[in-house]
Protein backbone atom coordinates (compact mmCIF):
# COMPACT_ATOMS: atom_id res chain seq x y z
CA MET A 1 18.61 -5.60 30.14
CA LYS A 2 15.19 -6.69 31.42
CA ASP A 3 13.52 -3.90 29.46
CA ARG A 4 15.16 -5.04 26.24
CA LYS A 5 14.15 -8.63 26.90
CA ALA A 6 10.57 -7.59 27.69
CA PHE A 7 10.49 -5.51 24.51
CA MET A 8 11.75 -8.43 22.43
CA LEU A 9 9.16 -10.77 23.93
CA GLN A 10 6.38 -8.22 23.38
CA VAL A 11 7.33 -7.80 19.72
CA ALA A 12 7.57 -11.58 19.29
CA ARG A 13 4.14 -12.06 20.90
CA GLU A 14 2.63 -9.48 18.57
CA VAL A 15 4.10 -11.27 15.55
CA LEU A 16 2.95 -14.67 16.80
CA THR A 17 -0.60 -13.47 17.36
CA GLY A 18 -0.72 -11.89 13.91
CA ARG A 19 -1.12 -8.38 15.22
CA ILE A 20 1.90 -7.23 13.22
CA SER A 21 3.95 -8.75 10.44
CA VAL A 22 7.65 -9.56 10.63
CA GLN A 23 8.35 -6.52 8.41
CA GLU A 24 6.42 -4.25 10.76
CA ALA A 25 8.30 -5.75 13.72
CA MET A 26 11.60 -5.03 11.97
CA GLN A 27 10.60 -1.40 11.38
CA ARG A 28 9.25 -0.90 14.90
CA SER A 29 12.39 -2.40 16.47
CA ASN A 30 14.88 -0.79 14.08
CA VAL A 31 16.14 -4.25 13.13
CA LYS A 32 17.70 -4.69 9.69
CA ASP A 33 17.90 -8.49 9.56
CA LYS A 34 14.86 -10.74 9.53
CA ARG A 35 16.80 -13.45 11.34
CA THR A 36 16.89 -11.27 14.47
CA ILE A 37 13.09 -11.25 14.67
CA VAL A 38 13.05 -15.00 14.02
CA SER A 39 15.42 -15.55 16.94
CA TRP A 40 13.13 -13.42 19.12
CA LEU A 41 10.22 -15.61 18.06
CA LYS A 42 12.12 -18.77 18.97
CA ARG A 43 13.05 -17.31 22.35
CA ALA A 44 9.44 -16.33 23.03
CA ILE A 45 8.26 -19.82 22.12
CA LYS A 46 10.87 -21.45 24.41
CA GLU A 47 10.06 -19.16 27.33
CA ASN A 48 6.34 -19.70 26.95
CA LYS A 49 6.38 -23.51 26.89
CA PRO A 50 9.85 -24.97 27.23
CA GLY A 51 10.19 -28.38 25.66
CA LYS A 52 6.62 -28.46 24.32
CA VAL A 53 5.15 -27.87 20.90
CA MET A 54 3.59 -24.47 20.69
CA GLU A 55 -0.08 -24.16 19.90
CA LEU A 56 -0.92 -20.89 18.21
CA THR A 57 -4.31 -19.98 19.53
CA LEU A 58 -5.62 -16.58 20.48
CA GLU A 59 -6.62 -17.83 23.93
CA ASN A 60 -3.08 -18.90 24.80
CA TYR A 61 -1.08 -16.08 23.29
CA CYS A 62 -3.31 -13.10 23.12
CA TYR A 63 -4.42 -10.60 25.70
CA GLN A 64 -7.51 -8.53 25.08
CA GLU A 65 -5.38 -5.53 24.04
CA ASP A 66 -3.64 -7.72 21.46
CA LEU A 67 -6.89 -8.24 19.61
CA ASN A 68 -6.89 -4.48 19.06
CA VAL A 69 -10.27 -4.20 17.39
CA HIS A 70 -9.97 -0.43 17.35
CA SER A 71 -6.74 -0.67 15.39
CA ASN A 72 -8.43 -2.79 12.72
CA GLU A 73 -11.37 -0.39 12.58
CA GLU A 74 -8.92 2.51 12.19
CA LYS A 75 -7.17 0.68 9.36
CA ILE A 76 -10.50 0.00 7.64
CA SER A 77 -11.64 3.62 7.95
CA LYS A 78 -8.26 4.82 6.67
CA LEU A 79 -8.50 2.49 3.66
CA GLU A 80 -12.08 3.60 3.02
CA SER A 81 -11.04 7.25 3.04
CA GLU A 82 -8.14 6.46 0.70
CA LEU A 83 -10.59 4.65 -1.58
CA GLU A 84 -12.91 7.68 -1.58
CA GLY A 85 -9.95 9.92 -2.43
CA ALA A 86 -8.94 7.61 -5.27
CA LYS A 87 -12.51 7.60 -6.60
CA LYS A 88 -12.60 11.42 -6.55
CA ARG A 89 -9.26 11.60 -8.32
CA ASN A 90 -10.49 9.08 -10.89
CA LEU A 91 -13.56 11.23 -11.58
CA GLU A 92 -11.34 14.30 -12.00
CA LEU A 93 -9.09 12.43 -14.42
CA LEU A 94 -12.10 11.20 -16.40
CA HIS A 95 -13.37 14.79 -16.59
CA PHE A 96 -9.99 16.03 -17.88
CA GLN A 97 -9.85 13.12 -20.33
CA LYS A 98 -13.23 14.18 -21.70
CA ILE A 99 -12.05 17.79 -22.04
CA LEU A 100 -8.86 16.73 -23.84
CA THR A 101 -10.77 14.39 -26.13
CA ASN A 102 -13.11 17.24 -27.08
CA LYS A 103 -10.14 19.52 -27.79
CA ILE A 104 -8.51 16.86 -29.96
CA ASN A 105 -11.76 16.42 -31.88
CA ASP A 106 -12.00 20.21 -32.36
CA LEU A 107 -8.42 20.33 -33.64
CA GLU A 108 -9.10 17.49 -36.08
CA VAL A 109 -12.11 19.40 -37.43
CA LEU A 110 -9.99 22.55 -37.80
CA ILE A 111 -7.24 20.59 -39.58
CA GLN A 112 -9.77 19.08 -42.00
CA TYR A 113 -11.24 22.52 -42.67
CA ALA A 114 -7.77 24.03 -43.25
CA GLU A 115 -6.78 21.19 -45.56
CA THR A 116 -9.91 21.49 -47.71
CA THR A 117 -9.88 25.29 -47.77
CA HIS A 118 -6.19 25.77 -48.54
CA LYS A 119 -5.70 22.51 -50.46
CA ILE A 120 -2.72 21.40 -48.39
CA ASP A 121 -1.96 18.27 -46.40
CA ILE A 122 -1.11 19.56 -42.93
CA MET A 123 -0.21 16.15 -41.59
CA LYS A 124 2.21 15.61 -44.50
CA VAL A 125 3.82 18.99 -43.83
CA ARG A 126 4.30 18.05 -40.17
CA ARG A 127 5.91 14.73 -41.08
CA LYS A 128 8.45 16.48 -43.32
CA LYS A 129 9.32 18.97 -40.57
CA ALA A 130 9.76 16.19 -38.04
CA ARG A 131 12.43 14.47 -40.15
């Protein structure tokens, strides 16, 4: 029972300090209803300063480990690597777009050549077949 209560207070403290969001707290705690986390927050506030208005400051509610600078640096490096991956993928897509555009241009030239050489309208023939 004490372990569960300590866990609830720890999760509530992390939400109150901004270390995690309510959604992250729900996932971490396997809670399906947001109201459960809200009740944990209210309990944490009451236990911290009963009968007083809570002041949300890092000094009052945050231990050094809660600041978790390394976690933020890890998130930033992860996002930077994802950005680099997205940039590489974008360059690949632009390269393939260029290749496809060149192929389309080549096909248009071939169609024009075939139409003038054989005196037929290839695009008109295709429209009739499509109907």
